[in-house]
All heavy atoms as atom14 arrays in JSON, in Angstrom:
{
  "sequence": "KEYVQAGLKTPASQDTVSIANNSWKTVFTDDKLAVLID",
  "atom14_mask": [
    [1, 1, 1, 1, 1, 1, 1, 1, 1, 0, 0, 0, 0, 0],
    [1, 1, 1, 1, 1, 1, 1, 1, 1, 0, 0, 0, 0, 0],
    [1, 1, 1, 1, 1, 1, 1, 1, 1, 1, 1, 1, 0, 0],
    [1, 1, 1, 1, 1, 1, 1, 0, 0, 0, 0, 0, 0, 0],
    [1, 1, 1, 1, 1, 1, 1, 1, 1, 0, 0, 0, 0, 0],
    [1, 1, 1, 1, 1, 0, 0, 0, 0, 0, 0, 0, 0, 0],
    [1, 1, 1, 1, 0, 0, 0, 0, 0, 0, 0, 0, 0, 0],
    [1, 1, 1, 1, 1, 1, 1, 1, 0, 0, 0, 0, 0, 0],
    [1, 1, 1, 1, 1, 1, 1, 1, 1, 0, 0, 0, 0, 0],
    [1, 1, 1, 1, 1, 1, 1, 0, 0, 0, 0, 0, 0, 0],
    [1, 1, 1, 1, 1, 1, 1, 0, 0, 0, 0, 0, 0, 0],
    [1, 1, 1, 1, 1, 0, 0, 0, 0, 0, 0, 0, 0, 0],
    [1, 1, 1, 1, 1, 1, 0, 0, 0, 0, 0, 0, 0, 0],
    [1, 1, 1, 1, 1, 1, 1, 1, 1, 0, 0, 0, 0, 0],
    [1, 1, 1, 1, 1, 1, 1, 1, 0, 0, 0, 0, 0, 0],
    [1, 1, 1, 1, 1, 1, 1, 0, 0, 0, 0, 0, 0, 0],
    [1, 1, 1, 1, 1, 1, 1, 0, 0, 0, 0, 0, 0, 0],
    [1, 1, 1, 1, 1, 1, 0, 0, 0, 0, 0, 0, 0, 0],
    [1, 1, 1, 1, 1, 1, 1, 1, 0, 0, 0, 0, 0, 0],
    [1, 1, 1, 1, 1, 0, 0, 0, 0, 0, 0, 0, 0, 0],
    [1, 1, 1, 1, 1, 1, 1, 1, 0, 0, 0, 0, 0, 0],
    [1, 1, 1, 1, 1, 1, 1, 1, 0, 0, 0, 0, 0, 0],
    [1, 1, 1, 1, 1, 1, 0, 0, 0, 0, 0, 0, 0, 0],
    [1, 1, 1, 1, 1, 1, 1, 1, 1, 1, 1, 1, 1, 1],
    [1, 1, 1, 1, 1, 1, 1, 1, 1, 0, 0, 0, 0, 0],
    [1, 1, 1, 1, 1, 1, 1, 0, 0, 0, 0, 0, 0, 0],
    [1, 1, 1, 1, 1, 1, 1, 0, 0, 0, 0, 0, 0, 0],
    [1, 1, 1, 1, 1, 1, 1, 1, 1, 1, 1, 0, 0, 0],
    [1, 1, 1, 1, 1, 1, 1, 0, 0, 0, 0, 0, 0, 0],
    [1, 1, 1, 1, 1, 1, 1, 1, 0, 0, 0, 0, 0, 0],
    [1, 1, 1, 1, 1, 1, 1, 1, 0, 0, 0, 0, 0, 0],
    [1, 1, 1, 1, 1, 1, 1, 1, 1, 0, 0, 0, 0, 0],
    [1, 1, 1, 1, 1, 1, 1, 1, 0, 0, 0, 0, 0, 0],
    [1, 1, 1, 1, 1, 0, 0, 0, 0, 0, 0, 0, 0, 0],
    [1, 1, 1, 1, 1, 1, 1, 0, 0, 0, 0, 0, 0, 0],
    [1, 1, 1, 1, 1, 1, 1, 1, 0, 0, 0, 0, 0, 0],
    [1, 1, 1, 1, 1, 1, 1, 1, 0, 0, 0, 0, 0, 0],
    [1, 1, 1, 1, 1, 1, 1, 1, 0, 0, 0, 0, 0, 0]
  ],
  "atom14_positions": [
    [[72.6, 137.62, 144.64], [73.06, 138.98, 144.64], [74.62, 139.03, 144.75], [75.27, 139.95, 144.31], [72.46, 139.79, 145.79], [71.09, 140.11, 145.49], [70.56, 141.11, 146.58], [69.1, 141.57, 146.37], [68.6, 142.4, 147.43], [0.0, 0.0, 0.0], [0.0, 0.0, 0.0], [0.0, 0.0, 0.0], [0.0, 0.0, 0.0], [0.0, 0.0, 0.0]],
    [[75.16, 138.02, 145.45], [76.6, 138.09, 145.68], [77.4, 138.03, 144.39], [78.51, 138.59, 144.28], [77.06, 136.87, 146.59], [76.81, 135.51, 146.08], [75.31, 135.02, 146.32], [74.57, 135.77, 146.67], [75.13, 133.81, 146.1], [0.0, 0.0, 0.0], [0.0, 0.0, 0.0], [0.0, 0.0, 0.0], [0.0, 0.0, 0.0], [0.0, 0.0, 0.0]],
    [[76.88, 137.32, 143.42], [77.59, 137.27, 142.11], [77.54, 138.59, 141.38], [78.48, 138.95, 140.66], [76.98, 136.12, 141.15], [77.25, 134.75, 141.69], [76.18, 134.06, 142.24], [78.53, 134.18, 141.64], [76.42, 132.7, 142.62], [78.79, 132.92, 142.07], [77.73, 132.14, 142.59], [77.96, 130.93, 143.03], [0.0, 0.0, 0.0], [0.0, 0.0, 0.0]],
    [[76.45, 139.27, 141.43], [76.32, 140.56, 140.83], [77.29, 141.51, 141.43], [77.98, 142.29, 140.77], [74.89, 141.15, 140.95], [74.78, 142.5, 140.32], [73.88, 140.11, 140.3], [0.0, 0.0, 0.0], [0.0, 0.0, 0.0], [0.0, 0.0, 0.0], [0.0, 0.0, 0.0], [0.0, 0.0, 0.0], [0.0, 0.0, 0.0], [0.0, 0.0, 0.0]],
    [[77.41, 141.52, 142.82], [78.26, 142.51, 143.44], [79.7, 142.09, 143.12], [80.58, 143.06, 143.08], [77.97, 142.43, 144.96], [76.66, 142.89, 145.38], [76.38, 142.65, 146.87], [77.09, 141.93, 147.51], [75.17, 143.11, 147.3], [0.0, 0.0, 0.0], [0.0, 0.0, 0.0], [0.0, 0.0, 0.0], [0.0, 0.0, 0.0], [0.0, 0.0, 0.0]],
    [[80.05, 140.93, 143.03], [81.44, 140.48, 142.73], [81.78, 140.63, 141.26], [82.91, 140.6, 141.04], [81.63, 139.06, 143.27], [0.0, 0.0, 0.0], [0.0, 0.0, 0.0], [0.0, 0.0, 0.0], [0.0, 0.0, 0.0], [0.0, 0.0, 0.0], [0.0, 0.0, 0.0], [0.0, 0.0, 0.0], [0.0, 0.0, 0.0], [0.0, 0.0, 0.0]],
    [[80.79, 140.82, 140.37], [81.1, 140.96, 138.93], [81.54, 139.6, 138.47], [80.87, 138.56, 138.69], [0.0, 0.0, 0.0], [0.0, 0.0, 0.0], [0.0, 0.0, 0.0], [0.0, 0.0, 0.0], [0.0, 0.0, 0.0], [0.0, 0.0, 0.0], [0.0, 0.0, 0.0], [0.0, 0.0, 0.0], [0.0, 0.0, 0.0], [0.0, 0.0, 0.0]],
    [[82.69, 139.54, 137.81], [83.17, 138.26, 137.24], [83.72, 137.41, 138.32], [83.89, 136.2, 138.12], [84.34, 138.48, 136.24], [83.77, 138.93, 134.9], [84.96, 139.31, 134.02], [82.94, 137.82, 134.23], [0.0, 0.0, 0.0], [0.0, 0.0, 0.0], [0.0, 0.0, 0.0], [0.0, 0.0, 0.0], [0.0, 0.0, 0.0], [0.0, 0.0, 0.0]],
    [[84.15, 137.94, 139.52], [84.72, 137.17, 140.58], [83.55, 136.59, 141.42], [82.72, 137.31, 141.91], [85.65, 138.04, 141.46], [86.98, 138.5, 140.76], [87.78, 139.19, 141.74], [89.04, 139.69, 141.16], [89.96, 140.37, 142.0], [0.0, 0.0, 0.0], [0.0, 0.0, 0.0], [0.0, 0.0, 0.0], [0.0, 0.0, 0.0], [0.0, 0.0, 0.0]],
    [[83.69, 135.31, 141.61], [82.73, 134.62, 142.54], [83.21, 134.76, 143.95], [84.43, 135.13, 144.27], [82.64, 133.1, 142.25], [84.06, 132.57, 142.25], [82.18, 132.96, 140.81], [0.0, 0.0, 0.0], [0.0, 0.0, 0.0], [0.0, 0.0, 0.0], [0.0, 0.0, 0.0], [0.0, 0.0, 0.0], [0.0, 0.0, 0.0], [0.0, 0.0, 0.0]],
    [[82.4, 134.61, 144.93], [82.74, 134.68, 146.32], [84.0, 133.82, 146.69], [84.82, 134.24, 147.44], [81.61, 134.28, 147.18], [80.39, 134.56, 146.2], [80.96, 134.35, 144.88], [0.0, 0.0, 0.0], [0.0, 0.0, 0.0], [0.0, 0.0, 0.0], [0.0, 0.0, 0.0], [0.0, 0.0, 0.0], [0.0, 0.0, 0.0], [0.0, 0.0, 0.0]],
    [[83.99, 132.6, 146.16], [85.15, 131.71, 146.49], [86.43, 132.13, 145.85], [87.52, 132.04, 146.48], [84.89, 130.31, 145.97], [0.0, 0.0, 0.0], [0.0, 0.0, 0.0], [0.0, 0.0, 0.0], [0.0, 0.0, 0.0], [0.0, 0.0, 0.0], [0.0, 0.0, 0.0], [0.0, 0.0, 0.0], [0.0, 0.0, 0.0], [0.0, 0.0, 0.0]],
    [[86.37, 132.83, 144.78], [87.63, 133.2, 144.05], [88.24, 134.42, 144.73], [89.38, 134.73, 144.49], [87.35, 133.67, 142.62], [86.45, 134.76, 142.6], [0.0, 0.0, 0.0], [0.0, 0.0, 0.0], [0.0, 0.0, 0.0], [0.0, 0.0, 0.0], [0.0, 0.0, 0.0], [0.0, 0.0, 0.0], [0.0, 0.0, 0.0], [0.0, 0.0, 0.0]],
    [[87.54, 135.13, 145.64], [88.07, 136.22, 146.26], [89.16, 135.82, 147.39], [89.95, 136.54, 147.84], [87.04, 137.04, 147.01], [86.07, 137.75, 146.06], [84.93, 138.45, 146.72], [84.71, 138.25, 147.87], [84.19, 139.27, 146.0], [0.0, 0.0, 0.0], [0.0, 0.0, 0.0], [0.0, 0.0, 0.0], [0.0, 0.0, 0.0], [0.0, 0.0, 0.0]],
    [[88.96, 134.52, 147.73], [89.84, 133.96, 148.78], [91.0, 133.22, 148.16], [91.85, 132.65, 148.94], [89.13, 132.95, 149.72], [88.02, 133.74, 150.49], [88.25, 135.02, 150.86], [87.05, 133.21, 150.79], [0.0, 0.0, 0.0], [0.0, 0.0, 0.0], [0.0, 0.0, 0.0], [0.0, 0.0, 0.0], [0.0, 0.0, 0.0], [0.0, 0.0, 0.0]],
    [[91.11, 133.09, 146.9], [92.11, 132.37, 146.24], [93.02, 133.37, 145.5], [92.58, 134.4, 145.13], [91.64, 131.35, 145.26], [90.5, 131.91, 144.54], [91.1, 130.11, 145.95], [0.0, 0.0, 0.0], [0.0, 0.0, 0.0], [0.0, 0.0, 0.0], [0.0, 0.0, 0.0], [0.0, 0.0, 0.0], [0.0, 0.0, 0.0], [0.0, 0.0, 0.0]],
    [[94.28, 132.99, 145.27], [95.25, 133.88, 144.67], [95.6, 133.17, 143.43], [96.07, 132.16, 143.33], [96.47, 134.02, 145.56], [97.53, 134.96, 144.87], [96.08, 134.7, 146.9], [0.0, 0.0, 0.0], [0.0, 0.0, 0.0], [0.0, 0.0, 0.0], [0.0, 0.0, 0.0], [0.0, 0.0, 0.0], [0.0, 0.0, 0.0], [0.0, 0.0, 0.0]],
    [[95.43, 133.96, 142.33], [95.77, 133.43, 141.08], [97.3, 133.58, 140.74], [97.92, 134.48, 141.19], [95.1, 134.22, 139.87], [95.6, 133.82, 138.6], [0.0, 0.0, 0.0], [0.0, 0.0, 0.0], [0.0, 0.0, 0.0], [0.0, 0.0, 0.0], [0.0, 0.0, 0.0], [0.0, 0.0, 0.0], [0.0, 0.0, 0.0], [0.0, 0.0, 0.0]],
    [[97.92, 132.62, 140.0], [99.31, 132.65, 139.66], [99.61, 133.94, 138.99], [100.68, 134.5, 139.12], [99.66, 131.38, 138.78], [99.57, 130.07, 139.59], [100.99, 131.51, 138.17], [99.76, 128.91, 138.71], [0.0, 0.0, 0.0], [0.0, 0.0, 0.0], [0.0, 0.0, 0.0], [0.0, 0.0, 0.0], [0.0, 0.0, 0.0], [0.0, 0.0, 0.0]],
    [[98.71, 134.41, 138.12], [98.97, 135.51, 137.35], [99.11, 136.86, 138.16], [99.62, 137.85, 137.67], [97.85, 135.77, 136.32], [0.0, 0.0, 0.0], [0.0, 0.0, 0.0], [0.0, 0.0, 0.0], [0.0, 0.0, 0.0], [0.0, 0.0, 0.0], [0.0, 0.0, 0.0], [0.0, 0.0, 0.0], [0.0, 0.0, 0.0], [0.0, 0.0, 0.0]],
    [[98.58, 136.85, 139.39], [98.65, 137.99, 140.22], [99.97, 138.0, 140.94], [100.28, 138.98, 141.64], [97.49, 137.99, 141.25], [96.15, 138.19, 140.51], [96.05, 138.86, 139.46], [95.11, 137.57, 141.17], [0.0, 0.0, 0.0], [0.0, 0.0, 0.0], [0.0, 0.0, 0.0], [0.0, 0.0, 0.0], [0.0, 0.0, 0.0], [0.0, 0.0, 0.0]],
    [[100.84, 136.94, 140.87], [102.09, 136.9, 141.65], [103.22, 137.13, 140.71], [103.08, 136.88, 139.47], [102.17, 135.56, 142.36], [101.14, 135.3, 143.32], [100.58, 136.29, 143.97], [100.81, 134.03, 143.6], [0.0, 0.0, 0.0], [0.0, 0.0, 0.0], [0.0, 0.0, 0.0], [0.0, 0.0, 0.0], [0.0, 0.0, 0.0], [0.0, 0.0, 0.0]],
    [[104.28, 137.49, 141.22], [105.58, 137.68, 140.46], [106.07, 136.35, 139.98], [105.85, 135.26, 140.81], [106.62, 138.48, 141.24], [107.78, 138.32, 140.63], [0.0, 0.0, 0.0], [0.0, 0.0, 0.0], [0.0, 0.0, 0.0], [0.0, 0.0, 0.0], [0.0, 0.0, 0.0], [0.0, 0.0, 0.0], [0.0, 0.0, 0.0], [0.0, 0.0, 0.0]],
    [[106.78, 136.16, 138.91], [107.27, 134.89, 138.55], [108.23, 134.42, 139.57], [108.59, 133.2, 139.7], [107.97, 134.99, 137.15], [109.0, 136.03, 137.0], [108.94, 137.33, 136.49], [110.47, 135.86, 137.35], [110.03, 137.98, 136.62], [111.04, 137.11, 137.06], [111.14, 134.84, 137.87], [112.4, 137.32, 137.36], [112.53, 135.01, 138.1], [113.11, 136.31, 137.89]],
    [[108.83, 135.35, 140.37], [109.89, 134.9, 141.34], [109.27, 134.15, 142.45], [109.95, 133.33, 143.09], [110.45, 136.17, 141.97], [111.35, 137.01, 140.94], [111.92, 138.26, 141.58], [112.73, 138.99, 140.62], [113.3, 140.25, 141.12], [0.0, 0.0, 0.0], [0.0, 0.0, 0.0], [0.0, 0.0, 0.0], [0.0, 0.0, 0.0], [0.0, 0.0, 0.0]],
    [[107.99, 134.2, 142.65], [107.27, 133.38, 143.67], [107.0, 131.95, 143.12], [106.68, 131.05, 143.89], [106.0, 134.0, 144.1], [105.11, 134.11, 143.03], [106.29, 135.44, 144.66], [0.0, 0.0, 0.0], [0.0, 0.0, 0.0], [0.0, 0.0, 0.0], [0.0, 0.0, 0.0], [0.0, 0.0, 0.0], [0.0, 0.0, 0.0], [0.0, 0.0, 0.0]],
    [[107.08, 131.85, 141.84], [106.79, 130.49, 141.28], [108.11, 129.76, 141.0], [108.17, 128.57, 141.3], [105.91, 130.71, 139.91], [105.73, 129.41, 139.18], [104.66, 131.42, 140.15], [0.0, 0.0, 0.0], [0.0, 0.0, 0.0], [0.0, 0.0, 0.0], [0.0, 0.0, 0.0], [0.0, 0.0, 0.0], [0.0, 0.0, 0.0], [0.0, 0.0, 0.0]],
    [[109.04, 130.37, 140.42], [110.32, 129.85, 140.03], [111.43, 130.28, 141.11], [111.94, 131.37, 141.0], [110.8, 130.19, 138.71], [109.8, 129.91, 137.58], [109.01, 130.87, 137.04], [109.57, 128.55, 137.21], [108.08, 130.56, 136.07], [108.65, 128.2, 136.17], [107.9, 129.26, 135.68], [0.0, 0.0, 0.0], [0.0, 0.0, 0.0], [0.0, 0.0, 0.0]],
    [[111.53, 129.46, 142.12], [112.44, 129.74, 143.24], [113.87, 129.31, 143.09], [114.67, 129.65, 144.0], [111.9, 129.24, 144.54], [111.75, 127.74, 144.34], [110.44, 129.75, 144.82], [0.0, 0.0, 0.0], [0.0, 0.0, 0.0], [0.0, 0.0, 0.0], [0.0, 0.0, 0.0], [0.0, 0.0, 0.0], [0.0, 0.0, 0.0], [0.0, 0.0, 0.0]],
    [[114.23, 128.64, 142.11], [115.59, 128.18, 141.81], [116.35, 129.53, 141.59], [116.12, 130.27, 140.65], [115.65, 127.33, 140.73], [117.03, 126.62, 140.54], [118.06, 127.41, 140.57], [117.1, 125.47, 140.34], [0.0, 0.0, 0.0], [0.0, 0.0, 0.0], [0.0, 0.0, 0.0], [0.0, 0.0, 0.0], [0.0, 0.0, 0.0], [0.0, 0.0, 0.0]],
    [[117.47, 129.76, 142.44], [118.17, 130.98, 142.27], [118.95, 131.07, 141.02], [119.02, 132.19, 140.38], [119.23, 131.11, 143.47], [120.1, 129.96, 143.6], [119.74, 128.89, 142.97], [121.13, 130.06, 144.24], [0.0, 0.0, 0.0], [0.0, 0.0, 0.0], [0.0, 0.0, 0.0], [0.0, 0.0, 0.0], [0.0, 0.0, 0.0], [0.0, 0.0, 0.0]],
    [[119.52, 130.02, 140.45], [120.19, 130.03, 139.18], [119.13, 130.29, 138.01], [119.57, 131.08, 137.11], [120.86, 128.73, 138.91], [121.87, 128.32, 140.01], [123.0, 129.32, 140.02], [124.03, 128.95, 140.98], [125.1, 128.18, 140.77], [0.0, 0.0, 0.0], [0.0, 0.0, 0.0], [0.0, 0.0, 0.0], [0.0, 0.0, 0.0], [0.0, 0.0, 0.0]],
    [[118.05, 129.77, 138.08], [116.83, 130.1, 137.1], [116.56, 131.51, 137.23], [116.25, 132.14, 136.14], [115.72, 129.08, 137.25], [114.52, 129.35, 136.44], [114.89, 129.26, 134.93], [113.4, 128.28, 136.66], [0.0, 0.0, 0.0], [0.0, 0.0, 0.0], [0.0, 0.0, 0.0], [0.0, 0.0, 0.0], [0.0, 0.0, 0.0], [0.0, 0.0, 0.0]],
    [[116.38, 132.0, 138.35], [115.99, 133.38, 138.54], [116.91, 134.32, 137.99], [116.57, 135.43, 137.31], [115.81, 133.71, 139.98], [0.0, 0.0, 0.0], [0.0, 0.0, 0.0], [0.0, 0.0, 0.0], [0.0, 0.0, 0.0], [0.0, 0.0, 0.0], [0.0, 0.0, 0.0], [0.0, 0.0, 0.0], [0.0, 0.0, 0.0], [0.0, 0.0, 0.0]],
    [[118.28, 134.11, 138.02], [119.33, 134.88, 137.46], [119.1, 134.88, 135.9], [119.18, 135.89, 135.26], [120.66, 134.39, 137.8], [121.77, 135.13, 136.99], [120.96, 134.61, 139.3], [0.0, 0.0, 0.0], [0.0, 0.0, 0.0], [0.0, 0.0, 0.0], [0.0, 0.0, 0.0], [0.0, 0.0, 0.0], [0.0, 0.0, 0.0], [0.0, 0.0, 0.0]],
    [[118.92, 133.7, 135.32], [118.67, 133.66, 133.81], [117.43, 134.47, 133.44], [117.51, 135.14, 132.4], [118.44, 132.25, 133.4], [119.7, 131.27, 133.6], [119.38, 129.81, 133.38], [120.86, 131.8, 132.7], [0.0, 0.0, 0.0], [0.0, 0.0, 0.0], [0.0, 0.0, 0.0], [0.0, 0.0, 0.0], [0.0, 0.0, 0.0], [0.0, 0.0, 0.0]],
    [[116.41, 134.32, 134.09], [115.06, 135.09, 133.8], [115.36, 136.56, 133.88], [115.01, 137.34, 132.99], [114.01, 134.61, 134.66], [113.61, 133.25, 134.35], [112.7, 135.48, 134.35], [112.53, 132.56, 135.24], [0.0, 0.0, 0.0], [0.0, 0.0, 0.0], [0.0, 0.0, 0.0], [0.0, 0.0, 0.0], [0.0, 0.0, 0.0], [0.0, 0.0, 0.0]],
    [[115.98, 136.97, 134.95], [116.23, 138.42, 135.14], [117.08, 138.98, 133.95], [116.83, 140.07, 133.44], [117.0, 138.68, 136.5], [116.02, 138.97, 137.63], [114.98, 139.62, 137.32], [116.32, 138.64, 138.73], [0.0, 0.0, 0.0], [0.0, 0.0, 0.0], [0.0, 0.0, 0.0], [0.0, 0.0, 0.0], [0.0, 0.0, 0.0], [0.0, 0.0, 0.0]]
  ]
}
């Protein structure tokens, strides 16, 4: 039942954070690179 309630998300995936849910600034921390991307 836990899979049905979670839909596509499994119980384990609720405790993990996907890269896609975060800003690119949390991935690329180099300040010079951040200026270029901005």
